[in-house]
Amino acid sequence: MKQGANPKTGIRLSDRQRLNWLRLIRTDNIGAVTFRDLILFCGSASNALEMLPDLNIRGGSARPIRIISVDEAERELEAIERIGARLIGMGEPEYPPQLKNCEAPPPLVIVKGDPGVFRKPPVAIVGSRNASLVGARFTEKLAHDLGSEGFCVVSGLARGIDAAAHKASLSTGTAAVLAGGLDRPYPPENLPLYRAIPENGGALITEMPMGAEPRSRDFPRRNRIIAGLSLGLIVVEAAERSGSLISARMAGEMGRTVFAVPGSPLDPRARGTNLLLKQGATLVTGVEDVIETLLPLIRPGDPAGDEPEQPDLLAQIDEEPEQLQAITTDRERDLVIDALGPVPVDVDTLVRHTGIETDAIQLILLELDLAGRLLRYPGNRVAIVPCDEFTQA
């Protein structure tokens, strides 16, 4: 048995490992998939940090890769501690079980409040920021009833439907996902709610660095976590181009149940939800519709995800893990680059087309990713960054 691990509770990162994980995930061009591949290839975050400059050059980058310093990482850890939050690694017992089961979960999340709330069956409620009075009241009733039945209501702390869902489930423990750093609550008018959630047995969660201001491009990442945290996602009021529909699409891609509340065809805020219903979303008129659908998946009150479907790829951090023994040539790298284009292809197709071993393909893709030359898409699909864009980057 590896040091710091318990067969029932999973791994426990040491202070040094937590620091190295943080430095690695905060490095340029490293996301969840690249982080995982680096751990598997290099054996540990410490080894990966040492190998990054060489891998970056082999990927074709003419610029050094920026790796945050130990001092920068320590300052972020101090900032996390100052606000009473914790940095939790995937595989640790406090990591949200449902989130671990989605494709490419964030290796590290920052949580303030009680992470135990994520072990309740989680249900997301999202919708219009410009909510109607009827929509807000319906949300309050639905969120209150779900909380009373033992569910954790998850949302994004936005105006309108999100705020209504959090307020109504405050007493039973709600979870709010932030688009920026945990010390950058948004919008300002929800600051009292931001403070009340962890004080009432709920939790705030983000994958973003401390001090990061929420930007428009960060909200899809927040939406992905909302979907990933939940067994099902309910959309209450959404226009045709609403971000809530992005959350619904992400939830569907993850295999989560998508619910929608019907609305008047005369109300633009109902066009998105009515469209979801046409596309096969489950209709919701009350809490019974949600419970009836989700009950076969998990009973309310039971810990969610005690037996995660996704294997813990990072669980061997205190042992000498088996590393990818791939050796690549310039010719193989050229073959992969030539085979890739702006249209995403899945990696299995790339292996068959080039005839190159899977391990070597993975290493080449890792090098290209670190150099900023690769785009990753759901379903293990990849595409190459066009030469002109890469040159200008």
Protein backbone atom coordinates (compact mmCIF):
# COMPACT_ATOMS: atom_id res chain seq x y z
CA MET A 1 0.00 0.00 0.00
CA LYS A 2 1.41 3.40 -0.94
CA GLN A 3 2.13 5.94 1.77
CA GLY A 4 -0.70 8.35 2.51
CA ALA A 5 -3.35 6.17 0.86
CA ASN A 6 -6.36 4.38 2.28
CA PRO A 7 -8.26 1.81 0.20
CA LYS A 8 -11.58 3.39 1.20
CA THR A 9 -10.64 7.06 1.03
CA GLY A 10 -8.16 7.19 -1.85
CA ILE A 11 -4.91 9.09 -2.05
CA ARG A 12 -3.74 11.98 0.05
CA LEU A 13 -1.30 14.40 -1.54
CA SER A 14 1.73 15.45 0.47
CA ASP A 15 2.52 19.16 0.70
CA ARG A 16 5.30 18.76 -1.88
CA GLN A 17 3.06 16.86 -4.29
CA ARG A 18 0.29 19.44 -3.92
CA LEU A 19 2.77 22.20 -4.73
CA ASN A 20 4.05 20.36 -7.81
CA TRP A 21 0.54 19.55 -9.04
CA LEU A 22 -0.34 23.22 -8.72
CA ARG A 23 2.77 24.33 -10.60
CA LEU A 24 2.05 21.82 -13.37
CA ILE A 25 -1.63 22.70 -13.92
CA ARG A 26 -0.83 26.43 -13.89
CA THR A 27 1.79 26.02 -16.64
CA ASP A 28 1.02 27.41 -20.11
CA ASN A 29 -0.89 25.06 -22.48
CA ILE A 30 -1.59 22.45 -19.79
CA GLY A 31 -5.19 21.41 -19.25
CA ALA A 32 -6.73 18.35 -17.65
CA VAL A 33 -5.89 15.92 -20.47
CA THR A 34 -2.31 17.14 -20.85
CA PHE A 35 -1.83 17.03 -17.07
CA ARG A 36 -2.97 13.40 -16.97
CA ASP A 37 -0.76 12.41 -19.91
CA LEU A 38 2.26 14.12 -18.35
CA ILE A 39 1.77 12.23 -15.09
CA LEU A 40 1.48 8.94 -16.97
CA PHE A 41 4.47 9.64 -19.22
CA CYS A 42 6.79 11.24 -16.67
CA GLY A 43 5.73 9.30 -13.58
CA SER A 44 5.09 12.32 -11.34
CA ALA A 45 4.42 16.04 -11.45
CA SER A 46 7.98 16.66 -10.26
CA ASN A 47 9.44 14.71 -13.17
CA ALA A 48 7.04 16.38 -15.59
CA LEU A 49 8.15 19.85 -14.53
CA GLU A 50 11.75 18.90 -15.29
CA MET A 51 10.89 17.44 -18.70
CA LEU A 52 8.59 20.25 -19.89
CA PRO A 53 11.25 22.43 -21.59
CA ASP A 54 12.48 19.53 -23.74
CA LEU A 55 8.97 18.32 -24.60
CA ASN A 56 8.03 21.88 -25.56
CA ILE A 57 10.97 22.16 -27.97
CA ARG A 58 10.24 18.76 -29.51
CA GLY A 59 6.68 19.95 -30.14
CA GLY A 60 8.02 22.72 -32.36
CA SER A 61 7.77 25.76 -30.11
CA ALA A 62 10.42 28.42 -30.59
CA ARG A 63 9.60 30.03 -27.24
CA PRO A 64 10.40 28.69 -23.75
CA ILE A 65 7.42 27.31 -21.89
CA ARG A 66 6.46 29.38 -18.86
CA ILE A 67 6.39 27.32 -15.67
CA ILE A 68 5.24 29.12 -12.54
CA SER A 69 7.87 29.31 -9.82
CA VAL A 70 7.75 27.66 -6.41
CA ASP A 71 7.25 31.11 -4.88
CA GLU A 72 4.24 31.82 -7.13
CA ALA A 73 2.65 28.47 -6.26
CA GLU A 74 3.28 28.99 -2.55
CA ARG A 75 1.68 32.44 -2.73
CA GLU A 76 -1.45 30.91 -4.27
CA LEU A 77 -1.56 28.23 -1.58
CA GLU A 78 -1.27 30.95 1.07
CA ALA A 79 -4.09 32.91 -0.59
CA ILE A 80 -6.28 29.79 -0.58
CA GLU A 81 -5.59 29.22 3.11
CA ARG A 82 -6.26 32.88 3.96
CA ILE A 83 -9.88 32.68 2.83
CA GLY A 84 -10.44 29.35 4.58
CA ALA A 85 -10.51 27.26 1.39
CA ARG A 86 -8.67 24.07 0.38
CA LEU A 87 -6.91 22.85 -2.74
CA ILE A 88 -8.17 19.32 -3.46
CA GLY A 89 -6.60 16.88 -5.91
CA MET A 90 -8.45 14.32 -8.00
CA GLY A 91 -8.34 11.03 -6.12
CA GLU A 92 -8.42 12.62 -2.68
CA PRO A 93 -11.49 11.73 -0.60
CA GLU A 94 -12.91 15.28 -0.67
CA TYR A 95 -12.86 15.50 -4.48
CA PRO A 96 -16.45 15.58 -5.85
CA PRO A 97 -17.32 12.01 -6.91
CA GLN A 98 -19.52 12.91 -9.88
CA LEU A 99 -16.95 15.35 -11.26
CA LYS A 100 -14.33 12.63 -11.25
CA ASN A 101 -16.57 10.55 -13.51
CA CYS A 102 -16.71 13.08 -16.35
CA GLU A 103 -14.31 13.20 -19.29
CA ALA A 104 -11.07 15.05 -18.40
CA PRO A 105 -11.98 16.24 -14.88
CA PRO A 106 -9.88 19.10 -13.47
CA PRO A 107 -6.90 17.65 -11.56
CA LEU A 108 -7.23 20.31 -8.86
CA VAL A 109 -10.20 22.25 -7.51
CA ILE A 110 -10.36 24.93 -4.85
CA VAL A 111 -13.23 24.46 -2.39
CA LYS A 112 -14.52 26.68 0.41
CA GLY A 113 -17.13 25.23 2.72
CA ASP A 114 -18.07 21.60 3.31
CA PRO A 115 -16.91 19.29 0.48
CA GLY A 116 -19.15 16.63 2.01
CA VAL A 117 -22.07 18.33 0.27
CA PHE A 118 -20.83 16.81 -3.02
CA ARG A 119 -21.53 13.33 -1.67
CA LYS A 120 -25.25 14.04 -1.69
CA PRO A 121 -26.97 13.23 -5.00
CA PRO A 122 -26.26 16.46 -6.95
CA VAL A 123 -28.71 18.13 -9.34
CA ALA A 124 -27.89 21.31 -11.29
CA ILE A 125 -30.40 24.09 -11.90
CA VAL A 126 -29.48 26.76 -14.45
CA GLY A 127 -31.31 29.32 -16.53
CA SER A 128 -31.84 32.90 -17.56
CA ARG A 129 -30.08 35.76 -15.78
CA ASN A 130 -33.09 37.90 -16.73
CA ALA A 131 -35.54 35.56 -15.05
CA SER A 132 -39.26 36.16 -15.02
CA LEU A 133 -41.11 36.32 -11.72
CA VAL A 134 -42.83 33.03 -12.55
CA GLY A 135 -39.54 31.40 -13.49
CA ALA A 136 -37.83 32.55 -10.29
CA ARG A 137 -40.72 31.31 -8.13
CA PHE A 138 -40.79 27.94 -9.86
CA THR A 139 -37.03 27.63 -9.35
CA GLU A 140 -37.32 28.46 -5.66
CA LYS A 141 -39.99 25.81 -5.13
CA LEU A 142 -38.08 23.19 -7.12
CA ALA A 143 -34.74 23.88 -5.41
CA HIS A 144 -36.32 23.89 -1.95
CA ASP A 145 -38.08 20.59 -2.61
CA LEU A 146 -34.94 18.96 -4.02
CA GLY A 147 -32.92 20.06 -0.99
CA SER A 148 -35.60 18.72 1.34
CA GLU A 149 -35.44 15.35 -0.46
CA GLY A 150 -31.70 15.08 0.22
CA PHE A 151 -30.29 16.40 -3.06
CA CYS A 152 -27.51 18.97 -3.37
CA VAL A 153 -28.57 21.80 -5.68
CA VAL A 154 -25.69 22.93 -7.92
CA SER A 155 -25.62 26.19 -9.89
CA GLY A 156 -23.34 28.98 -11.07
CA LEU A 157 -24.03 31.90 -8.67
CA ALA A 158 -25.27 34.06 -11.57
CA ARG A 159 -28.17 36.48 -11.47
CA GLY A 160 -31.70 35.23 -11.98
CA ILE A 161 -32.36 31.49 -11.95
CA ASP A 162 -28.97 30.55 -10.43
CA ALA A 163 -29.40 32.91 -7.48
CA ALA A 164 -32.98 31.74 -6.90
CA ALA A 165 -31.84 28.10 -6.83
CA HIS A 166 -29.03 28.79 -4.34
CA LYS A 167 -31.19 30.90 -2.01
CA ALA A 168 -33.99 28.35 -1.85
CA SER A 169 -31.62 25.47 -1.04
CA LEU A 170 -29.31 27.41 1.28
CA SER A 171 -30.52 25.66 4.43
CA THR A 172 -29.97 22.17 3.00
CA GLY A 173 -26.52 22.75 1.47
CA THR A 174 -26.01 24.11 -2.03
CA ALA A 175 -22.91 24.17 -4.27
CA ALA A 176 -21.88 27.19 -6.36
CA VAL A 177 -19.37 26.97 -9.21
CA LEU A 178 -17.38 30.14 -9.89
CA ALA A 179 -16.02 31.22 -13.28
CA GLY A 180 -13.12 33.12 -11.70
CA GLY A 181 -10.91 32.73 -8.66
CA LEU A 182 -12.57 31.83 -5.39
CA ASP A 183 -11.63 35.27 -4.08
CA ARG A 184 -13.36 36.99 -7.02
CA PRO A 185 -17.11 36.53 -6.48
CA TYR A 186 -19.30 37.58 -9.41
CA PRO A 187 -21.71 39.31 -9.84
CA PRO A 188 -21.22 41.83 -6.99
CA GLU A 189 -24.89 41.78 -5.95
CA ASN A 190 -24.56 38.09 -5.06
CA LEU A 191 -21.77 38.73 -2.54
CA PRO A 192 -24.11 38.06 0.45
CA LEU A 193 -25.08 34.74 -1.15
CA TYR A 194 -21.40 33.95 -1.83
CA ARG A 195 -20.70 34.40 1.90
CA ALA A 196 -23.80 32.56 3.08
CA ILE A 197 -23.29 29.35 1.09
CA PRO A 198 -20.21 28.04 2.97
CA GLU A 199 -21.60 29.34 6.26
CA ASN A 200 -24.71 27.15 5.86
CA GLY A 201 -23.14 23.79 5.05
CA GLY A 202 -22.71 24.36 1.31
CA ALA A 203 -19.60 24.83 -0.80
CA LEU A 204 -18.00 27.17 -3.34
CA ILE A 205 -15.84 25.50 -5.99
CA THR A 206 -13.64 26.54 -8.93
CA GLU A 207 -10.71 25.27 -10.97
CA MET A 208 -9.48 28.81 -11.65
CA PRO A 209 -6.42 30.38 -9.97
CA MET A 210 -6.81 32.69 -7.01
CA GLY A 211 -7.06 36.29 -8.14
CA ALA A 212 -8.42 35.37 -11.60
CA GLU A 213 -11.17 37.75 -12.69
CA PRO A 214 -14.06 35.97 -14.45
CA ARG A 215 -13.88 36.47 -18.22
CA SER A 216 -16.49 35.59 -20.83
CA ARG A 217 -14.31 32.75 -22.17
CA ASP A 218 -14.14 31.19 -18.68
CA PHE A 219 -17.90 30.68 -18.29
CA PRO A 220 -18.03 27.59 -20.56
CA ARG A 221 -15.41 26.03 -18.25
CA ARG A 222 -17.62 26.85 -15.28
CA ASN A 223 -20.64 25.40 -17.11
CA ARG A 224 -18.72 22.21 -17.78
CA ILE A 225 -18.02 21.78 -14.07
CA ILE A 226 -21.67 22.45 -13.23
CA ALA A 227 -22.67 19.66 -15.64
CA GLY A 228 -19.89 17.36 -14.45
CA LEU A 229 -20.80 17.74 -10.78
CA SER A 230 -24.38 16.64 -11.34
CA LEU A 231 -26.45 13.54 -12.00
CA GLY A 232 -28.88 15.66 -13.96
CA LEU A 233 -29.20 19.26 -15.14
CA ILE A 234 -32.44 21.26 -15.14
CA VAL A 235 -32.86 24.30 -17.40
CA VAL A 236 -35.45 26.87 -16.25
CA GLU A 237 -35.93 29.63 -18.83
CA ALA A 238 -33.28 30.05 -21.53
CA ALA A 239 -33.16 32.09 -24.69
CA GLU A 240 -32.10 30.47 -27.94
CA ARG A 241 -28.46 31.54 -27.48
CA SER A 242 -28.31 31.15 -23.71
CA GLY A 243 -25.22 29.81 -21.97
CA SER A 244 -27.58 27.45 -20.17
CA LEU A 245 -28.00 25.57 -23.45
CA ILE A 246 -24.23 25.11 -23.55
CA SER A 247 -24.46 23.57 -20.07
CA ALA A 248 -27.27 21.31 -21.31
CA ARG A 249 -25.22 20.19 -24.31
CA MET A 250 -22.23 19.45 -22.09
CA ALA A 251 -24.41 17.52 -19.67
CA GLY A 252 -25.80 15.43 -22.53
CA GLU A 253 -22.30 14.69 -23.83
CA MET A 254 -21.34 13.48 -20.34
CA GLY A 255 -24.32 11.15 -20.19
CA ARG A 256 -26.16 13.22 -17.60
CA THR A 257 -29.93 13.53 -17.70
CA VAL A 258 -31.08 16.85 -19.18
CA PHE A 259 -34.37 18.30 -17.90
CA ALA A 260 -36.26 21.36 -19.15
CA VAL A 261 -39.16 23.39 -17.83
CA PRO A 262 -41.72 24.27 -20.52
CA GLY A 263 -42.68 27.90 -21.06
CA SER A 264 -44.93 30.12 -23.12
CA PRO A 265 -44.09 30.20 -26.83
CA LEU A 266 -44.63 33.96 -26.60
CA ASP A 267 -41.78 34.39 -24.09
CA PRO A 268 -38.27 34.56 -25.65
CA ARG A 269 -36.91 33.20 -22.37
CA ALA A 270 -38.72 29.92 -23.01
CA ARG A 271 -37.48 29.31 -26.55
CA GLY A 272 -34.36 27.50 -25.39
CA THR A 273 -36.15 25.22 -22.92
CA ASN A 274 -38.91 24.43 -25.41
CA LEU A 275 -36.23 23.58 -27.97
CA LEU A 276 -34.58 21.21 -25.48
CA LEU A 277 -37.92 19.46 -24.98
CA LYS A 278 -38.29 19.04 -28.74
CA GLN A 279 -34.81 17.49 -28.77
CA GLY A 280 -35.73 14.93 -26.12
CA ALA A 281 -35.06 16.56 -22.76
CA THR A 282 -37.13 15.30 -19.84
CA LEU A 283 -40.05 17.58 -19.03
CA VAL A 284 -40.19 19.02 -15.50
CA THR A 285 -43.31 20.39 -13.88
CA GLY A 286 -42.34 19.58 -10.30
CA VAL A 287 -39.84 17.78 -8.08
CA GLU A 288 -41.54 14.42 -8.68
CA ASP A 289 -40.42 14.43 -12.32
CA VAL A 290 -36.79 14.81 -11.25
CA ILE A 291 -36.88 12.24 -8.46
CA GLU A 292 -38.69 9.67 -10.59
CA THR A 293 -36.03 9.95 -13.28
CA LEU A 294 -32.96 10.00 -11.03
CA LEU A 295 -34.10 7.55 -8.35
CA PRO A 296 -32.98 4.49 -10.34
CA LEU A 297 -29.49 6.03 -10.54
CA ILE A 298 -29.09 6.78 -6.85
CA ARG A 299 -31.35 7.04 -3.83
CA PRO A 300 -31.66 10.50 -2.27
CA GLY A 301 -29.43 10.71 0.80
CA ASP A 302 -26.95 8.08 -0.36
CA PRO A 303 -23.34 9.15 -1.04
CA ALA A 304 -23.02 9.91 -4.74
CA GLY A 305 -20.43 7.98 -6.63
CA ASP A 306 -18.92 5.68 -3.98
CA GLU A 307 -17.64 3.51 -6.82
CA PRO A 308 -16.48 5.90 -9.56
CA GLU A 309 -16.68 4.60 -13.09
CA GLN A 310 -13.52 6.38 -14.24
CA PRO A 311 -10.31 4.73 -13.01
CA ASP A 312 -8.08 6.87 -10.83
CA LEU A 313 -5.16 7.42 -13.20
CA LEU A 314 -3.28 9.45 -10.62
CA ALA A 315 -3.60 7.06 -7.69
CA GLN A 316 -0.04 5.69 -7.97
CA ILE A 317 1.65 8.98 -7.15
CA ASP A 318 3.69 7.58 -4.25
CA GLU A 319 4.95 4.57 -6.16
CA GLU A 320 7.06 4.17 -9.29
CA PRO A 321 4.31 4.06 -11.92
CA GLU A 322 4.71 2.38 -15.24
CA GLN A 323 5.74 5.05 -17.73
CA LEU A 324 5.11 5.19 -21.45
CA GLN A 325 8.23 3.84 -23.11
CA ALA A 326 7.65 5.64 -26.39
CA ILE A 327 10.48 6.81 -28.61
CA THR A 328 9.42 8.98 -31.51
CA THR A 329 11.24 10.05 -34.66
CA ASP A 330 11.03 13.25 -36.69
CA ARG A 331 9.42 11.25 -39.49
CA GLU A 332 6.65 9.98 -37.19
CA ARG A 333 6.05 13.49 -35.90
CA ASP A 334 5.79 14.79 -39.47
CA LEU A 335 3.34 12.01 -40.34
CA VAL A 336 1.09 12.94 -37.43
CA ILE A 337 1.21 16.67 -38.24
CA ASP A 338 0.43 15.98 -41.90
CA ALA A 339 -2.49 13.74 -40.93
CA LEU A 340 -4.03 16.38 -38.69
CA GLY A 341 -6.06 19.32 -39.93
CA PRO A 342 -8.55 21.90 -38.64
CA VAL A 343 -11.32 19.27 -38.48
CA PRO A 344 -11.13 17.18 -35.27
CA VAL A 345 -10.35 13.46 -35.62
CA ASP A 346 -10.33 10.83 -32.90
CA VAL A 347 -6.99 9.44 -31.78
CA ASP A 348 -7.87 5.83 -32.72
CA THR A 349 -8.42 6.94 -36.32
CA LEU A 350 -5.08 8.75 -36.24
CA VAL A 351 -3.35 5.57 -35.05
CA ARG A 352 -4.90 3.50 -37.83
CA HIS A 353 -4.18 6.10 -40.51
CA THR A 354 -0.50 6.61 -39.65
CA GLY A 355 0.35 3.09 -38.52
CA ILE A 356 2.24 4.54 -35.56
CA GLU A 357 2.02 2.86 -32.15
CA THR A 358 -0.52 4.34 -29.72
CA ASP A 359 2.10 5.25 -27.10
CA ALA A 360 4.16 7.13 -29.69
CA ILE A 361 1.06 8.97 -30.95
CA GLN A 362 0.22 10.00 -27.39
CA LEU A 363 3.72 11.35 -26.85
CA ILE A 364 3.68 13.32 -30.12
CA LEU A 365 0.27 14.81 -29.30
CA LEU A 366 1.56 15.72 -25.83
CA GLU A 367 4.54 17.54 -27.35
CA LEU A 368 2.32 19.40 -29.83
CA ASP A 369 -0.10 20.31 -27.05
CA LEU A 370 2.64 21.78 -24.85
CA ALA A 371 3.91 23.80 -27.82
CA GLY A 372 0.43 25.27 -28.33
CA ARG A 373 -0.04 23.51 -31.68
CA LEU A 374 -2.89 21.15 -30.74
CA LEU A 375 -6.60 21.66 -30.11
CA ARG A 376 -8.45 19.06 -28.02
CA TYR A 377 -12.16 18.26 -28.31
CA PRO A 378 -14.58 16.00 -26.40
CA GLY A 379 -14.52 12.33 -27.34
CA ASN A 380 -10.71 12.09 -27.45
CA ARG A 381 -10.60 14.12 -30.69
CA VAL A 382 -7.79 16.45 -31.74
CA ALA A 383 -7.02 19.02 -34.43
CA ILE A 384 -3.92 20.99 -35.41
CA VAL A 385 -3.63 24.75 -34.95
CA PRO A 386 -3.30 26.35 -38.44
CA CYS A 387 0.29 27.41 -39.18
CA ASP A 388 -0.58 31.12 -39.50
CA GLU A 389 -2.35 31.15 -36.12
CA PHE A 390 0.50 29.24 -34.47
CA THR A 391 3.07 31.64 -35.93
CA GLN A 392 1.15 34.67 -34.64
CA ALA A 393 0.53 33.19 -31.18
